[in-house]
Amino acid sequence: MALVLVFVLSATILRGQSSSGKHGVWHSDFRKAHAEAKQTGRPLIIHFYADWCMPCQRMEKEVLSSRELSQVVNKEFVAVKINADHHQDIVQHFGIKSLPSDVVISPSGKVLLRNNGYQQPNVYLAGLHSASLGYQRPAQPREEVVQKPTESTGLPKEKRGDASAVKVGLNGFCPVSLFLNKRWDRGNPDFKASYQDVVYFFMSREARDEFQRTPEKYAPEYLGCDPVILTESGHAVPGTTKYAAYSKGRLYLFLIPETRERFNRTPEKYINYRQALDIEHIEQTANAESLKESYEVR
């Protein structure tokens, strides 16, 4: 369950952005972007970057500047880019640990999505669709009450179990096509179905109907969490479509190639983990990064 945050902004954050222009459909002024989100009732995309960050530059060129993304943002969102080097107060309030990073919030401050690192265009768009699914825009924009800041208030950190970043399964790829054809075909958000609180996209209505008949056949095991990390440490850390493997007709996702290799050597050690998982057990990125490092150095 996404954590509902009371969007308390200190005066320093409201003054944090000095530029008032836009990068295409992207604001460069945080205060104005948030005001527009409140006025229109649209979710706010906050993209954190730095000029020296090569993945940020790649994402800017390949993802953020695309026509398809611009159309989605214009229709459904308000968006702002934050230079992390110039606005550490905003970075700290949102708990940003790596670049590039994205946070999507409702006008009232509910976290709808968190992304960290470079995102492929289809993955980024799938995440935005996930955010849309998690937010019901009011029929008429209404003015929201913003709590006055006090000396000790601020944006609280997300709790363990905020799984908003993994609500779209397989990063938007069609699980039926993957199982039947062993191809990573992008799903269509018009054909979607939910299983274990995870939403999957499909290439066609027929593929969606096939999934709904036997979803456990097509959905990744353990809600897409890395089975090696889960079995050995008890931490439910999301795997990635970049590192996937089938074993006994079931799909498993892994955080890094090292854990996939460990799985392939002795899969029986990891496929019988019996602890029941739900969406709230999935770890947030900060924990995932530390666990990733521990496996990479083994």
C-alpha atoms as a PDB file:
ATOM      1  CA  MET A   1       0.000   0.000   0.000  1.00  0.00           C
ATOM      2  CA  ALA A   2       1.415   3.386  -0.977  1.00  0.00           C
ATOM      3  CA  LEU A   3       2.084   5.624   1.954  1.00  0.00           C
ATOM      4  CA  VAL A   4      -0.136   8.694   2.050  1.00  0.00           C
ATOM      5  CA  LEU A   5       2.012  11.699   2.733  1.00  0.00           C
ATOM      6  CA  VAL A   6       0.784  15.060   3.935  1.00  0.00           C
ATOM      7  CA  PHE A   7       2.513  17.346   1.489  1.00  0.00           C
ATOM      8  CA  VAL A   8       4.142  19.755   3.886  1.00  0.00           C
ATOM      9  CA  LEU A   9       6.474  22.148   2.122  1.00  0.00           C
ATOM     10  CA  SER A  10       8.901  24.358   3.976  1.00  0.00           C
ATOM     11  CA  ALA A  11       9.518  27.892   2.834  1.00  0.00           C
ATOM     12  CA  THR A  12      12.964  26.905   1.621  1.00  0.00           C
ATOM     13  CA  ILE A  13      11.509  24.351  -0.788  1.00  0.00           C
ATOM     14  CA  LEU A  14       8.958  26.800  -2.087  1.00  0.00           C
ATOM     15  CA  ARG A  15      11.869  29.125  -2.866  1.00  0.00           C
ATOM     16  CA  GLY A  16      14.096  26.262  -4.010  1.00  0.00           C
ATOM     17  CA  GLN A  17      13.662  26.762  -7.733  1.00  0.00           C
ATOM     18  CA  SER A  18      14.760  30.022  -9.261  1.00  0.00           C
ATOM     19  CA  SER A  19      13.939  29.224 -12.876  1.00  0.00           C
ATOM     20  CA  SER A  20      10.373  29.624 -14.070  1.00  0.00           C
ATOM     21  CA  GLY A  21      10.666  28.137 -17.525  1.00  0.00           C
ATOM     22  CA  LYS A  22       9.749  24.718 -18.914  1.00  0.00           C
ATOM     23  CA  HIS A  23      11.729  22.005 -20.670  1.00  0.00           C
ATOM     24  CA  GLY A  24       9.106  21.334 -23.330  1.00  0.00           C
ATOM     25  CA  VAL A  25       6.270  19.881 -21.241  1.00  0.00           C
ATOM     26  CA  TRP A  26       8.564  19.853 -18.212  1.00  0.00           C
ATOM     27  CA  HIS A  27       8.587  22.609 -15.619  1.00  0.00           C
ATOM     28  CA  SER A  28      11.854  23.768 -14.087  1.00  0.00           C
ATOM     29  CA  ASP A  29      10.127  25.502 -11.165  1.00  0.00           C
ATOM     30  CA  PHE A  30       9.022  23.115  -8.419  1.00  0.00           C
ATOM     31  CA  ARG A  31       6.674  25.592  -6.749  1.00  0.00           C
ATOM     32  CA  LYS A  32       4.823  26.392  -9.975  1.00  0.00           C
ATOM     33  CA  ALA A  33       4.620  22.734 -10.982  1.00  0.00           C
ATOM     34  CA  HIS A  34       3.103  21.759  -7.644  1.00  0.00           C
ATOM     35  CA  ALA A  35       0.628  24.647  -7.855  1.00  0.00           C
ATOM     36  CA  GLU A  36      -0.432  23.515 -11.339  1.00  0.00           C
ATOM     37  CA  ALA A  37      -0.862  19.927 -10.114  1.00  0.00           C
ATOM     38  CA  LYS A  38      -3.145  21.146  -7.328  1.00  0.00           C
ATOM     39  CA  GLN A  39      -5.110  23.377  -9.665  1.00  0.00           C
ATOM     40  CA  THR A  40      -5.636  20.725 -12.343  1.00  0.00           C
ATOM     41  CA  GLY A  41      -5.945  17.701 -10.041  1.00  0.00           C
ATOM     42  CA  ARG A  42      -3.203  15.885 -11.954  1.00  0.00           C
ATOM     43  CA  PRO A  43      -0.367  13.785 -10.495  1.00  0.00           C
ATOM     44  CA  LEU A  44       3.064  15.440 -10.405  1.00  0.00           C
ATOM     45  CA  ILE A  45       6.108  13.738 -11.943  1.00  0.00           C
ATOM     46  CA  ILE A  46       9.343  14.861 -10.248  1.00  0.00           C
ATOM     47  CA  HIS A  47      12.483  13.895 -12.180  1.00  0.00           C
ATOM     48  CA  PHE A  48      15.818  14.257 -10.366  1.00  0.00           C
ATOM     49  CA  TYR A  49      19.002  14.584 -12.421  1.00  0.00           C
ATOM     50  CA  ALA A  50      22.464  16.156 -12.484  1.00  0.00           C
ATOM     51  CA  ASP A  51      24.482  17.639 -15.322  1.00  0.00           C
ATOM     52  CA  TRP A  52      27.421  15.267 -14.704  1.00  0.00           C
ATOM     53  CA  CYS A  53      25.229  12.138 -14.626  1.00  0.00           C
ATOM     54  CA  MET A  54      25.653  10.110 -17.838  1.00  0.00           C
ATOM     55  CA  PRO A  55      22.555   7.915 -17.308  1.00  0.00           C
ATOM     56  CA  CYS A  56      20.614  11.149 -16.742  1.00  0.00           C
ATOM     57  CA  GLN A  57      21.821  12.493 -20.085  1.00  0.00           C
ATOM     58  CA  ARG A  58      20.885   9.270 -21.807  1.00  0.00           C
ATOM     59  CA  MET A  59      17.444   9.285 -20.217  1.00  0.00           C
ATOM     60  CA  GLU A  60      16.909  12.901 -21.224  1.00  0.00           C
ATOM     61  CA  LYS A  61      17.751  12.100 -24.849  1.00  0.00           C
ATOM     62  CA  GLU A  62      16.033   8.723 -25.220  1.00  0.00           C
ATOM     63  CA  VAL A  63      13.065   8.954 -22.855  1.00  0.00           C
ATOM     64  CA  LEU A  64      12.090  12.368 -21.533  1.00  0.00           C
ATOM     65  CA  SER A  65      12.294  14.089 -24.908  1.00  0.00           C
ATOM     66  CA  SER A  66      10.216  11.501 -26.762  1.00  0.00           C
ATOM     67  CA  ARG A  67       6.982  12.539 -28.433  1.00  0.00           C
ATOM     68  CA  GLU A  68       5.079   9.613 -26.936  1.00  0.00           C
ATOM     69  CA  LEU A  69       6.038  10.584 -23.390  1.00  0.00           C
ATOM     70  CA  SER A  70       5.244  14.242 -24.050  1.00  0.00           C
ATOM     71  CA  GLN A  71       1.743  13.279 -25.179  1.00  0.00           C
ATOM     72  CA  VAL A  72       1.156  11.217 -22.022  1.00  0.00           C
ATOM     73  CA  VAL A  73       2.451  13.982 -19.761  1.00  0.00           C
ATOM     74  CA  ASN A  74       0.388  16.661 -21.497  1.00  0.00           C
ATOM     75  CA  LYS A  75      -2.757  14.587 -21.146  1.00  0.00           C
ATOM     76  CA  GLU A  76      -2.472  13.116 -17.655  1.00  0.00           C
ATOM     77  CA  PHE A  77       0.328  14.705 -15.578  1.00  0.00           C
ATOM     78  CA  VAL A  78       2.267  17.768 -14.550  1.00  0.00           C
ATOM     79  CA  ALA A  79       6.034  17.291 -14.709  1.00  0.00           C
ATOM     80  CA  VAL A  80       9.101  19.031 -13.279  1.00  0.00           C
ATOM     81  CA  LYS A  81      12.842  18.421 -13.506  1.00  0.00           C
ATOM     82  CA  ILE A  82      14.984  18.993 -10.417  1.00  0.00           C
ATOM     83  CA  ASN A  83      18.749  19.504 -10.659  1.00  0.00           C
ATOM     84  CA  ALA A  84      19.897  17.555  -7.600  1.00  0.00           C
ATOM     85  CA  ASP A  85      23.108  19.559  -7.228  1.00  0.00           C
ATOM     86  CA  HIS A  86      21.217  22.836  -6.952  1.00  0.00           C
ATOM     87  CA  HIS A  87      18.303  21.751  -4.770  1.00  0.00           C
ATOM     88  CA  GLN A  88      19.508  19.461  -2.020  1.00  0.00           C
ATOM     89  CA  ASP A  89      16.583  20.464   0.189  1.00  0.00           C
ATOM     90  CA  ILE A  90      14.111  18.910  -2.239  1.00  0.00           C
ATOM     91  CA  VAL A  91      16.355  15.894  -2.751  1.00  0.00           C
ATOM     92  CA  GLN A  92      16.487  15.257   0.986  1.00  0.00           C
ATOM     93  CA  HIS A  93      12.749  15.703   1.452  1.00  0.00           C
ATOM     94  CA  PHE A  94      12.046  12.985  -1.101  1.00  0.00           C
ATOM     95  CA  GLY A  95      14.819  10.686   0.130  1.00  0.00           C
ATOM     96  CA  ILE A  96      16.624  10.533  -3.219  1.00  0.00           C
ATOM     97  CA  LYS A  97      19.718   8.311  -3.017  1.00  0.00           C
ATOM     98  CA  SER A  98      20.729   7.868  -6.659  1.00  0.00           C
ATOM     99  CA  LEU A  99      20.373   9.535 -10.054  1.00  0.00           C
ATOM    100  CA  PRO A 100      18.385   9.629 -12.164  1.00  0.00           C
ATOM    101  CA  SER A 101      15.323   9.143  -9.960  1.00  0.00           C
ATOM    102  CA  ASP A 102      11.632   9.821 -10.395  1.00  0.00           C
ATOM    103  CA  VAL A 103       8.832  10.269  -7.893  1.00  0.00           C
ATOM    104  CA  VAL A 104       5.185  10.603  -8.911  1.00  0.00           C
ATOM    105  CA  ILE A 105       2.823  12.027  -6.308  1.00  0.00           C
ATOM    106  CA  SER A 106      -0.807  13.053  -6.193  1.00  0.00           C
ATOM    107  CA  PRO A 107      -1.558  16.746  -5.540  1.00  0.00           C
ATOM    108  CA  SER A 108      -2.083  15.873  -1.868  1.00  0.00           C
ATOM    109  CA  GLY A 109       1.269  14.076  -1.602  1.00  0.00           C
ATOM    110  CA  LYS A 110       0.385  10.400  -1.969  1.00  0.00           C
ATOM    111  CA  VAL A 111       3.353   8.559  -3.485  1.00  0.00           C
ATOM    112  CA  LEU A 112       2.113   6.777  -6.598  1.00  0.00           C
ATOM    113  CA  LEU A 113       5.453   5.653  -8.042  1.00  0.00           C
ATOM    114  CA  ARG A 114       9.194   5.611  -7.393  1.00  0.00           C
ATOM    115  CA  ASN A 115      11.810   4.807 -10.048  1.00  0.00           C
ATOM    116  CA  ASN A 116      15.573   4.746  -9.661  1.00  0.00           C
ATOM    117  CA  GLY A 117      18.175   4.590 -12.394  1.00  0.00           C
ATOM    118  CA  TYR A 118      17.870   4.740 -16.169  1.00  0.00           C
ATOM    119  CA  GLN A 119      14.499   3.526 -17.410  1.00  0.00           C
ATOM    120  CA  GLN A 120      13.841   2.180 -20.892  1.00  0.00           C
ATOM    121  CA  PRO A 121      11.090   4.186 -22.664  1.00  0.00           C
ATOM    122  CA  ASN A 122       8.511   1.389 -22.452  1.00  0.00           C
ATOM    123  CA  VAL A 123       9.375   0.738 -18.794  1.00  0.00           C
ATOM    124  CA  TYR A 124       9.053   4.427 -17.926  1.00  0.00           C
ATOM    125  CA  LEU A 125       5.692   4.675 -19.663  1.00  0.00           C
ATOM    126  CA  ALA A 126       4.494   1.499 -17.953  1.00  0.00           C
ATOM    127  CA  GLY A 127       5.359   3.070 -14.627  1.00  0.00           C
ATOM    128  CA  LEU A 128       3.301   6.139 -15.464  1.00  0.00           C
ATOM    129  CA  HIS A 129       0.362   3.920 -16.356  1.00  0.00           C
ATOM    130  CA  SER A 130       0.815   2.272 -12.963  1.00  0.00           C
ATOM    131  CA  ALA A 131       0.710   5.676 -11.297  1.00  0.00           C
ATOM    132  CA  SER A 132      -2.494   6.515 -13.166  1.00  0.00           C
ATOM    133  CA  LEU A 133      -4.077   3.297 -11.958  1.00  0.00           C
ATOM    134  CA  GLY A 134      -3.211   4.236  -8.401  1.00  0.00           C
ATOM    135  CA  TYR A 135      -4.775   7.688  -8.586  1.00  0.00           C
ATOM    136  CA  GLN A 136      -8.387   8.664  -9.087  1.00  0.00           C
ATOM    137  CA  ARG A 137      -8.510  12.204 -10.372  1.00  0.00           C
ATOM    138  CA  PRO A 138     -11.402  14.206  -8.882  1.00  0.00           C
ATOM    139  CA  ALA A 139     -14.216  15.079 -11.272  1.00  0.00           C
ATOM    140  CA  GLN A 140     -13.777  18.762 -10.454  1.00  0.00           C
ATOM    141  CA  PRO A 141     -10.417  20.197  -9.355  1.00  0.00           C
ATOM    142  CA  ARG A 142     -10.666  21.326  -5.783  1.00  0.00           C
ATOM    143  CA  GLU A 143      -8.416  23.295  -3.549  1.00  0.00           C
ATOM    144  CA  GLU A 144      -6.602  21.075  -1.066  1.00  0.00           C
ATOM    145  CA  VAL A 145      -5.679  22.007   2.465  1.00  0.00           C
ATOM    146  CA  VAL A 146      -1.925  22.176   2.974  1.00  0.00           C
ATOM    147  CA  GLN A 147      -0.818  21.769   6.545  1.00  0.00           C
ATOM    148  CA  LYS A 148       1.298  24.622   7.852  1.00  0.00           C
ATOM    149  CA  PRO A 149       4.927  23.630   8.425  1.00  0.00           C
ATOM    150  CA  THR A 150       6.357  23.473  11.911  1.00  0.00           C
ATOM    151  CA  GLU A 151       9.952  23.218  13.045  1.00  0.00           C
ATOM    152  CA  SER A 152       9.871  19.435  13.156  1.00  0.00           C
ATOM    153  CA  THR A 153       7.586  18.621  10.235  1.00  0.00           C
ATOM    154  CA  GLY A 154       8.593  17.615   6.755  1.00  0.00           C
ATOM    155  CA  LEU A 155       7.999  14.872   4.271  1.00  0.00           C
ATOM    156  CA  PRO A 156       8.318  11.588   6.172  1.00  0.00           C
ATOM    157  CA  LYS A 157      10.393   8.802   4.700  1.00  0.00           C
ATOM    158  CA  GLU A 158       8.586   5.905   3.038  1.00  0.00           C
ATOM    159  CA  LYS A 159       8.038   2.836   5.159  1.00  0.00           C
ATOM    160  CA  ARG A 160       9.223  -0.639   4.274  1.00  0.00           C
ATOM    161  CA  GLY A 161       6.453  -2.190   2.272  1.00  0.00           C
ATOM    162  CA  ASP A 162       5.772   0.775  -0.006  1.00  0.00           C
ATOM    163  CA  ALA A 163       5.503  -1.205  -3.198  1.00  0.00           C
ATOM    164  CA  SER A 164       4.175   1.532  -5.444  1.00  0.00           C
ATOM    165  CA  ALA A 165       7.095   1.096  -7.862  1.00  0.00           C
ATOM    166  CA  VAL A 166       6.247  -2.535  -8.637  1.00  0.00           C
ATOM    167  CA  LYS A 167       2.507  -2.432  -9.263  1.00  0.00           C
ATOM    168  CA  VAL A 168       3.023  -3.015 -13.002  1.00  0.00           C
ATOM    169  CA  GLY A 169       4.310  -6.547 -13.470  1.00  0.00           C
ATOM    170  CA  LEU A 170       7.180  -7.357 -15.831  1.00  0.00           C
ATOM    171  CA  ASN A 171       7.695  -3.649 -16.500  1.00  0.00           C
ATOM    172  CA  GLY A 172       4.724  -3.650 -18.836  1.00  0.00           C
ATOM    173  CA  PHE A 173       5.754  -6.613 -20.980  1.00  0.00           C
ATOM    174  CA  CYS A 174       3.165  -9.248 -21.863  1.00  0.00           C
ATOM    175  CA  PRO A 175       3.563 -12.338 -19.641  1.00  0.00           C
ATOM    176  CA  VAL A 176       1.614 -14.584 -22.009  1.00  0.00           C
ATOM    177  CA  SER A 177       3.827 -13.745 -24.985  1.00  0.00           C
ATOM    178  CA  LEU A 178       6.890 -14.305 -22.817  1.00  0.00           C
ATOM    179  CA  PHE A 179       5.700 -17.740 -21.726  1.00  0.00           C
ATOM    180  CA  LEU A 180       4.425 -18.955 -25.100  1.00  0.00           C
ATOM    181  CA  ASN A 181       6.860 -17.283 -27.492  1.00  0.00           C
ATOM    182  CA  LYS A 182       9.832 -16.499 -25.233  1.00  0.00           C
ATOM    183  CA  ARG A 183       9.686 -12.898 -26.483  1.00  0.00           C
ATOM    184  CA  TRP A 184       9.648  -9.637 -24.552  1.00  0.00           C
ATOM    185  CA  ASP A 185       6.658  -8.076 -26.298  1.00  0.00           C
ATOM    186  CA  ARG A 186       5.321  -4.869 -24.850  1.00  0.00           C
ATOM    187  CA  GLY A 187       1.799  -5.053 -23.483  1.00  0.00           C
ATOM    188  CA  ASN A 188      -1.005  -2.637 -24.230  1.00  0.00           C
ATOM    189  CA  PRO A 189      -2.443  -0.805 -21.178  1.00  0.00           C
ATOM    190  CA  ASP A 190      -5.883  -1.154 -22.784  1.00  0.00           C
ATOM    191  CA  PHE A 191      -5.632  -4.895 -22.071  1.00  0.00           C
ATOM    192  CA  LYS A 192      -4.753  -5.295 -18.425  1.00  0.00           C
ATOM    193  CA  ALA A 193      -5.491  -7.663 -15.571  1.00  0.00           C
ATOM    194  CA  SER A 194      -4.571  -7.815 -11.910  1.00  0.00           C
ATOM    195  CA  TYR A 195      -3.131 -10.783 -10.041  1.00  0.00           C
ATOM    196  CA  GLN A 196      -1.943 -10.650  -6.408  1.00  0.00           C
ATOM    197  CA  ASP A 197      -2.319  -6.847  -6.495  1.00  0.00           C
ATOM    198  CA  VAL A 198       0.088  -6.584  -9.451  1.00  0.00           C
ATOM    199  CA  VAL A 199      -1.201  -5.233 -12.778  1.00  0.00           C
ATOM    200  CA  TYR A 200      -0.066  -6.857 -16.020  1.00  0.00           C
ATOM    201  CA  PHE A 201      -0.413  -5.529 -19.578  1.00  0.00           C
ATOM    202  CA  PHE A 202      -1.141  -7.772 -22.578  1.00  0.00           C
ATOM    203  CA  MET A 203      -0.688  -7.616 -26.335  1.00  0.00           C
ATOM    204  CA  SER A 204      -4.318  -8.506 -27.016  1.00  0.00           C
ATOM    205  CA  ARG A 205      -7.645  -9.273 -25.431  1.00  0.00           C
ATOM    206  CA  GLU A 206      -7.041 -12.964 -26.145  1.00  0.00           C
ATOM    207  CA  ALA A 207      -3.755 -12.900 -24.260  1.00  0.00           C
ATOM    208  CA  ARG A 208      -5.435 -11.211 -21.312  1.00  0.00           C
ATOM    209  CA  ASP A 209      -8.223 -13.785 -21.267  1.00  0.00           C
ATOM    210  CA  GLU A 210      -5.686 -16.609 -21.382  1.00  0.00           C
ATOM    211  CA  PHE A 211      -3.830 -15.108 -18.439  1.00  0.00           C
ATOM    212  CA  GLN A 212      -6.998 -14.754 -16.396  1.00  0.00           C
ATOM    213  CA  ARG A 213      -7.795 -18.449 -16.809  1.00  0.00           C
ATOM    214  CA  THR A 214      -4.525 -19.536 -15.139  1.00  0.00           C
ATOM    215  CA  PRO A 215      -2.614 -16.458 -13.925  1.00  0.00           C
ATOM    216  CA  GLU A 216      -0.225 -18.483 -11.762  1.00  0.00           C
ATOM    217  CA  LYS A 217       1.077 -20.090 -14.956  1.00  0.00           C
ATOM    218  CA  TYR A 218       2.237 -16.778 -16.415  1.00  0.00           C
ATOM    219  CA  ALA A 219       2.961 -14.443 -13.499  1.00  0.00           C
ATOM    220  CA  PRO A 220       6.501 -14.485 -12.054  1.00  0.00           C
ATOM    221  CA  GLU A 221       6.960 -16.397  -8.832  1.00  0.00           C
ATOM    222  CA  TYR A 222       7.230 -14.575  -5.490  1.00  0.00           C
ATOM    223  CA  LEU A 223       5.585 -11.436  -6.952  1.00  0.00           C
ATOM    224  CA  GLY A 224       8.656 -10.965  -9.135  1.00  0.00           C
ATOM    225  CA  CYS A 225      11.060 -10.859  -6.187  1.00  0.00           C
ATOM    226  CA  ASP A 226      14.551 -12.336  -6.446  1.00  0.00           C
ATOM    227  CA  PRO A 227      14.216 -15.933  -5.105  1.00  0.00           C
ATOM    228  CA  VAL A 228      17.866 -16.183  -4.059  1.00  0.00           C
ATOM    229  CA  ILE A 229      17.793 -13.057  -1.917  1.00  0.00           C
ATOM    230  CA  LEU A 230      14.370 -13.998  -0.572  1.00  0.00           C
ATOM    231  CA  THR A 231      15.436 -17.514   0.444  1.00  0.00           C
ATOM    232  CA  GLU A 232      18.826 -16.605   1.863  1.00  0.00           C
ATOM    233  CA  SER A 233      18.004 -13.351   3.641  1.00  0.00           C
ATOM    234  CA  GLY A 234      14.221 -13.199   3.923  1.00  0.00           C
ATOM    235  CA  HIS A 235      14.192  -9.853   2.079  1.00  0.00           C
ATOM    236  CA  ALA A 236      11.577  -9.468  -0.661  1.00  0.00           C
ATOM    237  CA  VAL A 237      13.527  -7.476  -3.254  1.00  0.00           C
ATOM    238  CA  PRO A 238      12.076  -7.014  -6.771  1.00  0.00           C
ATOM    239  CA  GLY A 239      13.972  -8.692  -9.567  1.00  0.00           C
ATOM    240  CA  THR A 240      14.254  -7.240 -13.041  1.00  0.00           C
ATOM    241  CA  THR A 241      13.184  -8.380 -16.492  1.00  0.00           C
ATOM    242  CA  LYS A 242      16.826  -8.023 -17.532  1.00  0.00           C
ATOM    243  CA  TYR A 243      17.702 -11.098 -15.477  1.00  0.00           C
ATOM    244  CA  ALA A 244      14.988 -13.737 -15.841  1.00  0.00           C
ATOM    245  CA  ALA A 245      14.895 -17.517 -15.962  1.00  0.00           C
ATOM    246  CA  TYR A 246      12.356 -20.307 -16.262  1.00  0.00           C
ATOM    247  CA  SER A 247      12.516 -23.381 -14.050  1.00  0.00           C
ATOM    248  CA  LYS A 248       9.925 -26.168 -14.174  1.00  0.00           C
ATOM    249  CA  GLY A 249       7.633 -23.935 -16.200  1.00  0.00           C
ATOM    250  CA  ARG A 250       7.713 -21.055 -13.719  1.00  0.00           C
ATOM    251  CA  LEU A 251       9.201 -17.607 -14.303  1.00  0.00           C
ATOM    252  CA  TYR A 252      11.690 -16.100 -11.831  1.00  0.00           C
ATOM    253  CA  LEU A 253      13.192 -12.603 -11.862  1.00  0.00           C
ATOM    254  CA  PHE A 254      16.567 -11.678 -10.389  1.00  0.00           C
ATOM    255  CA  LEU A 255      18.092  -8.443  -9.179  1.00  0.00           C
ATOM    256  CA  ILE A 256      21.577  -9.071 -10.606  1.00  0.00           C
ATOM    257  CA  PRO A 257      23.281 -11.743 -12.781  1.00  0.00           C
ATOM    258  CA  GLU A 258      25.086 -13.173  -9.740  1.00  0.00           C
ATOM    259  CA  THR A 259      21.850 -14.262  -8.075  1.00  0.00           C
ATOM    260  CA  ARG A 260      20.557 -15.726 -11.322  1.00  0.00           C
ATOM    261  CA  GLU A 261      23.738 -17.774 -11.659  1.00  0.00           C
ATOM    262  CA  ARG A 262      23.368 -19.050  -8.084  1.00  0.00           C
ATOM    263  CA  PHE A 263      19.775 -20.037  -8.879  1.00  0.00           C
ATOM    264  CA  ASN A 264      20.743 -21.853 -12.083  1.00  0.00           C
ATOM    265  CA  ARG A 265      23.340 -23.934 -10.220  1.00  0.00           C
ATOM    266  CA  THR A 266      20.859 -25.244  -7.624  1.00  0.00           C
ATOM    267  CA  PRO A 267      17.309 -24.134  -8.518  1.00  0.00           C
ATOM    268  CA  GLU A 268      15.688 -26.662  -6.186  1.00  0.00           C
ATOM    269  CA  LYS A 269      17.164 -24.728  -3.270  1.00  0.00           C
ATOM    270  CA  TYR A 270      15.126 -21.647  -4.144  1.00  0.00           C
ATOM    271  CA  ILE A 271      11.873 -22.778  -5.759  1.00  0.00           C
ATOM    272  CA  ASN A 272      10.230 -24.167  -2.638  1.00  0.00           C
ATOM    273  CA  TYR A 273      10.208 -21.051  -0.477  1.00  0.00           C
ATOM    274  CA  ARG A 274       6.910 -21.278   1.356  1.00  0.00           C
ATOM    275  CA  GLN A 275       6.475 -17.969   3.123  1.00  0.00           C
ATOM    276  CA  ALA A 276       3.371 -16.197   1.841  1.00  0.00           C
ATOM    277  CA  LEU A 277       4.100 -12.827   0.263  1.00  0.00           C
ATOM    278  CA  ASP A 278       1.865  -9.896  -0.484  1.00  0.00           C
ATOM    279  CA  ILE A 279       2.569  -6.571  -2.117  1.00  0.00           C
ATOM    280  CA  GLU A 280       3.303  -4.866   1.202  1.00  0.00           C
ATOM    281  CA  HIS A 281       6.279  -7.115   1.910  1.00  0.00           C
ATOM    282  CA  ILE A 282       8.279  -5.836  -1.038  1.00  0.00           C
ATOM    283  CA  GLU A 283      11.332  -3.835  -0.046  1.00  0.00           C
ATOM    284  CA  GLN A 284      11.988  -0.259  -1.070  1.00  0.00           C
ATOM    285  CA  THR A 285      14.988   0.628  -3.216  1.00  0.00           C
ATOM    286  CA  ALA A 286      17.349   1.687  -0.440  1.00  0.00           C
ATOM    287  CA  ASN A 287      17.279  -1.824   1.033  1.00  0.00           C
ATOM    288  CA  ALA A 288      17.533  -3.383  -2.419  1.00  0.00           C
ATOM    289  CA  GLU A 289      20.693  -1.432  -3.214  1.00  0.00           C
ATOM    290  CA  SER A 290      22.488  -2.542  -0.056  1.00  0.00           C
ATOM    291  CA  LEU A 291      21.534  -6.188  -0.642  1.00  0.00           C
ATOM    292  CA  LYS A 292      22.617  -5.931  -4.255  1.00  0.00           C
ATOM    293  CA  GLU A 293      26.050  -4.745  -3.184  1.00  0.00           C
ATOM    294  CA  SER A 294      26.418  -7.617  -0.719  1.00  0.00           C
ATOM    295  CA  TYR A 295      25.782 -10.200  -3.444  1.00  0.00           C
ATOM    296  CA  GLU A 296      27.973  -8.498  -6.016  1.00  0.00           C
ATOM    297  CA  VAL A 297      31.086  -8.730  -3.809  1.00  0.00           C
ATOM    298  CA  ARG A 298      30.635 -12.398  -2.865  1.00  0.00           C
END
